Amino acid sequence: MQIQFENRGHRRIGTLSILASSIALLLTATAVLAQTAILGELEFKGASKVEKTSGVWIDGQYVGYLDELKGPKRVLLLPGDHQLSVRQAGYQDFTETLTVEPKELLLVPVKMEKASQDTWPKVTSELKVDVQPDRAAVFVDNRFLGHAGELGGAFHAMLLSPGTHRIKVELPGYQSFETEVTLVAGQKSSVKTHLAKASIHQADALIDQANNQAADQASHTDPAK
């Protein structure tokens, strides 16, 4: 009889544990659904390939290139004001303050204007990047040049001036990749890497300006630093 009683006790504990886990999951799901119900959505419109391949930052965080931000990758934001920056090599940054309303779709037309001060080198070298995920942002000498998918493969490459360049590849949720390449005139080179998963809090300042600014503020206000 004692053995039978103990088995029943284990079954009761197991049942209570499953019930508690189910309630916790239900509460979490309810909270997520409640938050999702008030989110506003952004829909970006770009007339040309320039806009469609430009990188998008919201509140200082890189979220991807413009043409991919739809469907499963659509941008959902809490109601309120948000800062938008759209960047493309050779073009002025497109910046705007967006006011997002609850449960509303906000259409955001983007028009990139050429940067008059930009000059391209007359003598160049060619550099391809083969990076996965190919939506990662590519920076050369700390300057955003595009996402990896448009800077590699059979038909795409970057034209850079001869010399040494610092290459960084960044994507939220992945470890950053950084390397140096030294190019000579007319040379064709390539950089290949597969980004490893990481915490979103490990994002580099180039794609996560908000985290970088918060860290700077903390270093100025914390007496221990």
C-alpha atoms as a PDB file:
ATOM      1  CA  MET A   1       0.000   0.000   0.000  1.00  0.00           C
ATOM      2  CA  GLN A   2       2.874   2.362   0.772  1.00  0.00           C
ATOM      3  CA  ILE A   3       4.383   1.973  -2.703  1.00  0.00           C
ATOM      4  CA  GLN A   4       1.030   2.605  -4.327  1.00  0.00           C
ATOM      5  CA  PHE A   5       0.553   5.784  -2.249  1.00  0.00           C
ATOM      6  CA  GLU A   6       3.964   7.151  -3.307  1.00  0.00           C
ATOM      7  CA  ASN A   7       3.231   6.552  -6.976  1.00  0.00           C
ATOM      8  CA  ARG A   8      -0.019   8.491  -6.669  1.00  0.00           C
ATOM      9  CA  GLY A   9       1.895  11.330  -5.028  1.00  0.00           C
ATOM     10  CA  HIS A  10       4.350  11.488  -7.913  1.00  0.00           C
ATOM     11  CA  ARG A  11       1.462  11.519 -10.367  1.00  0.00           C
ATOM     12  CA  ARG A  12      -0.169  14.384  -8.475  1.00  0.00           C
ATOM     13  CA  ILE A  13       3.072  16.385  -8.439  1.00  0.00           C
ATOM     14  CA  GLY A  14       3.535  15.727 -12.138  1.00  0.00           C
ATOM     15  CA  THR A  15      -0.015  16.826 -12.902  1.00  0.00           C
ATOM     16  CA  LEU A  16       0.382  20.020 -10.853  1.00  0.00           C
ATOM     17  CA  SER A  17       3.683  20.771 -12.590  1.00  0.00           C
ATOM     18  CA  ILE A  18       2.130  20.368 -16.037  1.00  0.00           C
ATOM     19  CA  LEU A  19      -0.845  22.499 -14.975  1.00  0.00           C
ATOM     20  CA  ALA A  20       1.440  25.265 -13.668  1.00  0.00           C
ATOM     21  CA  SER A  21       3.495  25.212 -16.882  1.00  0.00           C
ATOM     22  CA  SER A  22       0.338  25.391 -18.990  1.00  0.00           C
ATOM     23  CA  ILE A  23      -0.950  28.376 -17.013  1.00  0.00           C
ATOM     24  CA  ALA A  24       2.403  30.150 -17.366  1.00  0.00           C
ATOM     25  CA  LEU A  25       2.424  29.556 -21.116  1.00  0.00           C
ATOM     26  CA  LEU A  26      -1.165  30.750 -21.390  1.00  0.00           C
ATOM     27  CA  LEU A  27      -0.390  33.954 -19.483  1.00  0.00           C
ATOM     28  CA  THR A  28       2.683  34.586 -21.654  1.00  0.00           C
ATOM     29  CA  ALA A  29       0.731  33.996 -24.842  1.00  0.00           C
ATOM     30  CA  THR A  30      -2.059  36.289 -23.608  1.00  0.00           C
ATOM     31  CA  ALA A  31       0.464  39.055 -22.835  1.00  0.00           C
ATOM     32  CA  VAL A  32       2.077  38.704 -26.271  1.00  0.00           C
ATOM     33  CA  LEU A  33      -1.308  38.780 -28.021  1.00  0.00           C
ATOM     34  CA  ALA A  34      -2.361  41.806 -26.001  1.00  0.00           C
ATOM     35  CA  GLN A  35       0.794  43.680 -26.992  1.00  0.00           C
ATOM     36  CA  THR A  36       0.545  42.597 -30.642  1.00  0.00           C
ATOM     37  CA  ALA A  37      -3.048  43.861 -30.751  1.00  0.00           C
ATOM     38  CA  ILE A  38      -1.915  47.480 -30.242  1.00  0.00           C
ATOM     39  CA  LEU A  39       1.115  47.476 -32.537  1.00  0.00           C
ATOM     40  CA  GLY A  40       1.250  49.648 -35.635  1.00  0.00           C
ATOM     41  CA  GLU A  41       2.802  48.446 -38.914  1.00  0.00           C
ATOM     42  CA  LEU A  42       5.132  50.181 -41.359  1.00  0.00           C
ATOM     43  CA  GLU A  43       4.966  49.679 -45.120  1.00  0.00           C
ATOM     44  CA  PHE A  44       7.921  51.053 -47.067  1.00  0.00           C
ATOM     45  CA  LYS A  45       7.714  52.189 -50.681  1.00  0.00           C
ATOM     46  CA  GLY A  46      10.786  52.764 -52.854  1.00  0.00           C
ATOM     47  CA  ALA A  47      10.562  53.668 -56.516  1.00  0.00           C
ATOM     48  CA  SER A  48      13.919  52.341 -57.699  1.00  0.00           C
ATOM     49  CA  LYS A  49      16.531  49.709 -56.913  1.00  0.00           C
ATOM     50  CA  VAL A  50      18.471  52.339 -54.977  1.00  0.00           C
ATOM     51  CA  GLU A  51      15.688  52.691 -52.412  1.00  0.00           C
ATOM     52  CA  LYS A  52      14.799  48.997 -52.387  1.00  0.00           C
ATOM     53  CA  THR A  53      18.355  47.925 -51.523  1.00  0.00           C
ATOM     54  CA  SER A  54      18.981  50.673 -48.960  1.00  0.00           C
ATOM     55  CA  GLY A  55      19.559  49.782 -45.315  1.00  0.00           C
ATOM     56  CA  VAL A  56      16.905  50.722 -42.767  1.00  0.00           C
ATOM     57  CA  TRP A  57      17.527  51.794 -39.167  1.00  0.00           C
ATOM     58  CA  ILE A  58      14.677  52.380 -36.694  1.00  0.00           C
ATOM     59  CA  ASP A  59      15.460  54.043 -33.372  1.00  0.00           C
ATOM     60  CA  GLY A  60      19.152  53.449 -34.091  1.00  0.00           C
ATOM     61  CA  GLN A  61      18.740  49.709 -34.775  1.00  0.00           C
ATOM     62  CA  TYR A  62      19.415  48.137 -38.179  1.00  0.00           C
ATOM     63  CA  VAL A  63      16.351  46.100 -39.184  1.00  0.00           C
ATOM     64  CA  GLY A  64      17.260  45.049 -42.747  1.00  0.00           C
ATOM     65  CA  TYR A  65      17.119  46.403 -46.294  1.00  0.00           C
ATOM     66  CA  LEU A  66      13.982  48.171 -47.436  1.00  0.00           C
ATOM     67  CA  ASP A  67      12.601  45.697 -49.972  1.00  0.00           C
ATOM     68  CA  GLU A  68      12.640  42.748 -47.545  1.00  0.00           C
ATOM     69  CA  LEU A  69      10.663  44.473 -44.784  1.00  0.00           C
ATOM     70  CA  LYS A  70       7.300  42.909 -45.579  1.00  0.00           C
ATOM     71  CA  GLY A  71       5.425  39.695 -44.901  1.00  0.00           C
ATOM     72  CA  PRO A  72       7.190  37.723 -42.135  1.00  0.00           C
ATOM     73  CA  LYS A  73       9.812  40.490 -41.883  1.00  0.00           C
ATOM     74  CA  ARG A  74       7.333  43.367 -41.725  1.00  0.00           C
ATOM     75  CA  VAL A  75       8.056  46.056 -39.148  1.00  0.00           C
ATOM     76  CA  LEU A  76       5.660  46.219 -36.191  1.00  0.00           C
ATOM     77  CA  LEU A  77       6.170  49.002 -33.657  1.00  0.00           C
ATOM     78  CA  LEU A  78       4.639  50.182 -30.418  1.00  0.00           C
ATOM     79  CA  PRO A  79       2.527  53.328 -30.809  1.00  0.00           C
ATOM     80  CA  GLY A  80       4.444  56.588 -30.533  1.00  0.00           C
ATOM     81  CA  ASP A  81       7.256  58.452 -32.285  1.00  0.00           C
ATOM     82  CA  HIS A  82      10.121  56.513 -33.881  1.00  0.00           C
ATOM     83  CA  GLN A  83      13.242  57.694 -35.693  1.00  0.00           C
ATOM     84  CA  LEU A  84      13.801  56.330 -39.209  1.00  0.00           C
ATOM     85  CA  SER A  85      17.105  56.415 -41.106  1.00  0.00           C
ATOM     86  CA  VAL A  86      17.590  54.907 -44.583  1.00  0.00           C
ATOM     87  CA  ARG A  87      21.137  54.676 -45.950  1.00  0.00           C
ATOM     88  CA  GLN A  88      22.809  53.855 -49.233  1.00  0.00           C
ATOM     89  CA  ALA A  89      26.370  54.347 -50.440  1.00  0.00           C
ATOM     90  CA  GLY A  90      26.686  57.488 -52.540  1.00  0.00           C
ATOM     91  CA  TYR A  91      23.381  58.919 -51.291  1.00  0.00           C
ATOM     92  CA  GLN A  92      22.308  61.249 -48.519  1.00  0.00           C
ATOM     93  CA  ASP A  93      20.708  59.607 -45.496  1.00  0.00           C
ATOM     94  CA  PHE A  94      16.905  59.692 -45.615  1.00  0.00           C
ATOM     95  CA  THR A  95      15.731  60.553 -42.092  1.00  0.00           C
ATOM     96  CA  GLU A  96      12.259  61.062 -40.732  1.00  0.00           C
ATOM     97  CA  THR A  97      10.318  60.973 -37.457  1.00  0.00           C
ATOM     98  CA  LEU A  98       7.422  58.537 -37.756  1.00  0.00           C
ATOM     99  CA  THR A  99       4.323  58.681 -35.560  1.00  0.00           C
ATOM    100  CA  VAL A 100       2.895  55.183 -35.248  1.00  0.00           C
ATOM    101  CA  GLU A 101      -0.755  54.795 -34.273  1.00  0.00           C
ATOM    102  CA  PRO A 102      -2.220  51.657 -32.623  1.00  0.00           C
ATOM    103  CA  LYS A 103      -3.363  48.972 -35.071  1.00  0.00           C
ATOM    104  CA  GLU A 104      -2.786  51.198 -38.111  1.00  0.00           C
ATOM    105  CA  LEU A 105      -0.706  50.721 -41.258  1.00  0.00           C
ATOM    106  CA  LEU A 106       1.650  53.623 -41.928  1.00  0.00           C
ATOM    107  CA  LEU A 107       2.853  54.016 -45.520  1.00  0.00           C
ATOM    108  CA  VAL A 108       6.427  55.337 -45.670  1.00  0.00           C
ATOM    109  CA  PRO A 109       7.563  56.517 -49.133  1.00  0.00           C
ATOM    110  CA  VAL A 110      11.369  56.699 -49.360  1.00  0.00           C
ATOM    111  CA  LYS A 111      13.279  58.776 -51.899  1.00  0.00           C
ATOM    112  CA  MET A 112      17.080  58.750 -51.862  1.00  0.00           C
ATOM    113  CA  GLU A 113      19.018  61.795 -53.097  1.00  0.00           C
ATOM    114  CA  LYS A 114      22.559  61.568 -54.464  1.00  0.00           C
ATOM    115  CA  ALA A 115      25.295  62.900 -52.214  1.00  0.00           C
ATOM    116  CA  SER A 116      27.017  65.650 -54.182  1.00  0.00           C
ATOM    117  CA  GLN A 117      30.206  65.508 -52.101  1.00  0.00           C
ATOM    118  CA  ASP A 118      30.799  61.816 -52.825  1.00  0.00           C
ATOM    119  CA  THR A 119      33.516  61.029 -55.369  1.00  0.00           C
ATOM    120  CA  TRP A 120      34.311  57.585 -56.713  1.00  0.00           C
ATOM    121  CA  PRO A 121      37.933  56.514 -57.302  1.00  0.00           C
ATOM    122  CA  LYS A 122      39.120  56.474 -60.909  1.00  0.00           C
ATOM    123  CA  VAL A 123      41.344  53.463 -60.214  1.00  0.00           C
ATOM    124  CA  THR A 124      39.520  50.584 -58.539  1.00  0.00           C
ATOM    125  CA  SER A 125      39.753  47.043 -57.248  1.00  0.00           C
ATOM    126  CA  GLU A 126      36.857  44.592 -57.058  1.00  0.00           C
ATOM    127  CA  LEU A 127      35.723  42.923 -53.838  1.00  0.00           C
ATOM    128  CA  LYS A 128      32.907  40.389 -53.556  1.00  0.00           C
ATOM    129  CA  VAL A 129      31.325  39.271 -50.292  1.00  0.00           C
ATOM    130  CA  ASP A 130      29.816  35.825 -49.813  1.00  0.00           C
ATOM    131  CA  VAL A 131      27.994  36.092 -46.493  1.00  0.00           C
ATOM    132  CA  GLN A 132      25.183  34.174 -44.839  1.00  0.00           C
ATOM    133  CA  PRO A 133      22.666  35.393 -43.863  1.00  0.00           C
ATOM    134  CA  ASP A 134      22.820  37.535 -46.993  1.00  0.00           C
ATOM    135  CA  ARG A 135      20.628  40.262 -45.431  1.00  0.00           C
ATOM    136  CA  ALA A 136      23.517  41.287 -43.185  1.00  0.00           C
ATOM    137  CA  ALA A 137      24.800  44.870 -43.406  1.00  0.00           C
ATOM    138  CA  VAL A 138      28.255  45.366 -44.950  1.00  0.00           C
ATOM    139  CA  PHE A 139      30.489  48.251 -43.857  1.00  0.00           C
ATOM    140  CA  VAL A 140      33.765  49.297 -45.451  1.00  0.00           C
ATOM    141  CA  ASP A 141      35.947  51.592 -43.347  1.00  0.00           C
ATOM    142  CA  ASN A 142      32.918  52.126 -41.040  1.00  0.00           C
ATOM    143  CA  ARG A 143      30.719  53.230 -43.933  1.00  0.00           C
ATOM    144  CA  PHE A 144      27.552  51.324 -44.887  1.00  0.00           C
ATOM    145  CA  LEU A 145      27.799  50.034 -48.475  1.00  0.00           C
ATOM    146  CA  GLY A 146      24.778  47.734 -48.651  1.00  0.00           C
ATOM    147  CA  HIS A 147      23.517  44.305 -47.619  1.00  0.00           C
ATOM    148  CA  ALA A 148      25.540  41.206 -48.440  1.00  0.00           C
ATOM    149  CA  GLY A 149      23.052  39.856 -50.988  1.00  0.00           C
ATOM    150  CA  GLU A 150      23.677  42.776 -53.355  1.00  0.00           C
ATOM    151  CA  LEU A 151      27.458  42.822 -52.963  1.00  0.00           C
ATOM    152  CA  GLY A 152      28.356  39.300 -53.982  1.00  0.00           C
ATOM    153  CA  GLY A 153      27.374  36.368 -56.165  1.00  0.00           C
ATOM    154  CA  ALA A 154      27.961  36.048 -59.888  1.00  0.00           C
ATOM    155  CA  PHE A 155      26.861  39.554 -60.893  1.00  0.00           C
ATOM    156  CA  HIS A 156      27.606  41.843 -57.947  1.00  0.00           C
ATOM    157  CA  ALA A 157      30.725  43.266 -56.332  1.00  0.00           C
ATOM    158  CA  MET A 158      32.086  46.381 -54.615  1.00  0.00           C
ATOM    159  CA  LEU A 159      34.482  48.693 -56.432  1.00  0.00           C
ATOM    160  CA  LEU A 160      37.026  50.023 -53.936  1.00  0.00           C
ATOM    161  CA  SER A 161      40.127  52.149 -54.186  1.00  0.00           C
ATOM    162  CA  PRO A 162      43.452  50.257 -53.980  1.00  0.00           C
ATOM    163  CA  GLY A 163      44.894  49.990 -50.477  1.00  0.00           C
ATOM    164  CA  THR A 164      43.901  48.510 -47.121  1.00  0.00           C
ATOM    165  CA  HIS A 165      40.233  48.486 -46.126  1.00  0.00           C
ATOM    166  CA  ARG A 166      38.450  47.374 -42.967  1.00  0.00           C
ATOM    167  CA  ILE A 167      35.449  45.142 -43.699  1.00  0.00           C
ATOM    168  CA  LYS A 168      32.687  44.601 -41.135  1.00  0.00           C
ATOM    169  CA  VAL A 169      29.579  42.461 -41.526  1.00  0.00           C
ATOM    170  CA  GLU A 170      26.800  42.985 -38.981  1.00  0.00           C
ATOM    171  CA  LEU A 171      23.300  41.672 -38.311  1.00  0.00           C
ATOM    172  CA  PRO A 172      21.281  41.850 -35.070  1.00  0.00           C
ATOM    173  CA  GLY A 173      21.237  38.477 -33.340  1.00  0.00           C
ATOM    174  CA  TYR A 174      24.534  37.354 -34.920  1.00  0.00           C
ATOM    175  CA  GLN A 175      28.199  37.719 -34.065  1.00  0.00           C
ATOM    176  CA  SER A 176      29.868  40.431 -36.085  1.00  0.00           C
ATOM    177  CA  PHE A 177      32.583  39.577 -38.590  1.00  0.00           C
ATOM    178  CA  GLU A 178      35.553  41.867 -39.168  1.00  0.00           C
ATOM    179  CA  THR A 179      38.615  41.584 -41.387  1.00  0.00           C
ATOM    180  CA  GLU A 180      41.117  43.667 -43.333  1.00  0.00           C
ATOM    181  CA  VAL A 181      41.827  43.369 -47.042  1.00  0.00           C
ATOM    182  CA  THR A 182      44.694  44.943 -48.981  1.00  0.00           C
ATOM    183  CA  LEU A 183      43.860  45.491 -52.633  1.00  0.00           C
ATOM    184  CA  VAL A 184      45.951  46.514 -55.625  1.00  0.00           C
ATOM    185  CA  ALA A 185      44.605  48.225 -58.737  1.00  0.00           C
ATOM    186  CA  GLY A 186      42.571  45.906 -60.941  1.00  0.00           C
ATOM    187  CA  GLN A 187      42.617  43.074 -58.395  1.00  0.00           C
ATOM    188  CA  LYS A 188      39.565  40.876 -57.827  1.00  0.00           C
ATOM    189  CA  SER A 189      39.148  39.520 -54.291  1.00  0.00           C
ATOM    190  CA  SER A 190      36.425  37.991 -52.160  1.00  0.00           C
ATOM    191  CA  VAL A 191      35.482  37.680 -48.499  1.00  0.00           C
ATOM    192  CA  LYS A 192      33.462  34.671 -47.364  1.00  0.00           C
ATOM    193  CA  THR A 193      31.902  34.000 -43.976  1.00  0.00           C
ATOM    194  CA  HIS A 194      28.882  32.502 -42.241  1.00  0.00           C
ATOM    195  CA  LEU A 195      27.751  34.586 -39.263  1.00  0.00           C
ATOM    196  CA  ALA A 196      27.282  32.683 -36.005  1.00  0.00           C
ATOM    197  CA  LYS A 197      24.207  33.200 -33.832  1.00  0.00           C
ATOM    198  CA  ALA A 198      24.569  35.509 -30.838  1.00  0.00           C
ATOM    199  CA  SER A 199      22.542  37.697 -28.493  1.00  0.00           C
ATOM    200  CA  ILE A 200      20.985  40.826 -29.984  1.00  0.00           C
ATOM    201  CA  HIS A 201      22.669  42.760 -27.151  1.00  0.00           C
ATOM    202  CA  GLN A 202      26.059  41.996 -28.720  1.00  0.00           C
ATOM    203  CA  ALA A 203      25.286  44.189 -31.741  1.00  0.00           C
ATOM    204  CA  ASP A 204      28.058  46.505 -32.881  1.00  0.00           C
ATOM    205  CA  ALA A 205      27.591  50.275 -32.707  1.00  0.00           C
ATOM    206  CA  LEU A 206      27.432  50.457 -36.514  1.00  0.00           C
ATOM    207  CA  ILE A 207      24.053  48.734 -36.556  1.00  0.00           C
ATOM    208  CA  ASP A 208      22.874  49.460 -33.029  1.00  0.00           C
ATOM    209  CA  GLN A 209      23.389  53.136 -32.337  1.00  0.00           C
ATOM    210  CA  ALA A 210      20.782  53.074 -29.563  1.00  0.00           C
ATOM    211  CA  ASN A 211      22.735  50.532 -27.492  1.00  0.00           C
ATOM    212  CA  ASN A 212      25.942  52.448 -28.122  1.00  0.00           C
ATOM    213  CA  GLN A 213      24.408  55.723 -26.927  1.00  0.00           C
ATOM    214  CA  ALA A 214      23.014  54.042 -23.820  1.00  0.00           C
ATOM    215  CA  ALA A 215      26.445  52.627 -23.013  1.00  0.00           C
ATOM    216  CA  ASP A 216      28.033  56.063 -23.433  1.00  0.00           C
ATOM    217  CA  GLN A 217      25.471  57.614 -21.086  1.00  0.00           C
ATOM    218  CA  ALA A 218      26.041  54.894 -18.500  1.00  0.00           C
ATOM    219  CA  SER A 219      29.830  55.434 -18.623  1.00  0.00           C
ATOM    220  CA  HIS A 220      29.323  59.165 -17.983  1.00  0.00           C
ATOM    221  CA  THR A 221      26.842  58.739 -15.128  1.00  0.00           C
ATOM    222  CA  ASP A 222      28.253  55.730 -13.289  1.00  0.00           C
ATOM    223  CA  PRO A 223      30.843  56.922 -10.713  1.00  0.00           C
ATOM    224  CA  ALA A 224      32.529  53.507 -10.806  1.00  0.00           C
ATOM    225  CA  LYS A 225      33.484  53.991 -14.483  1.00  0.00           C
END
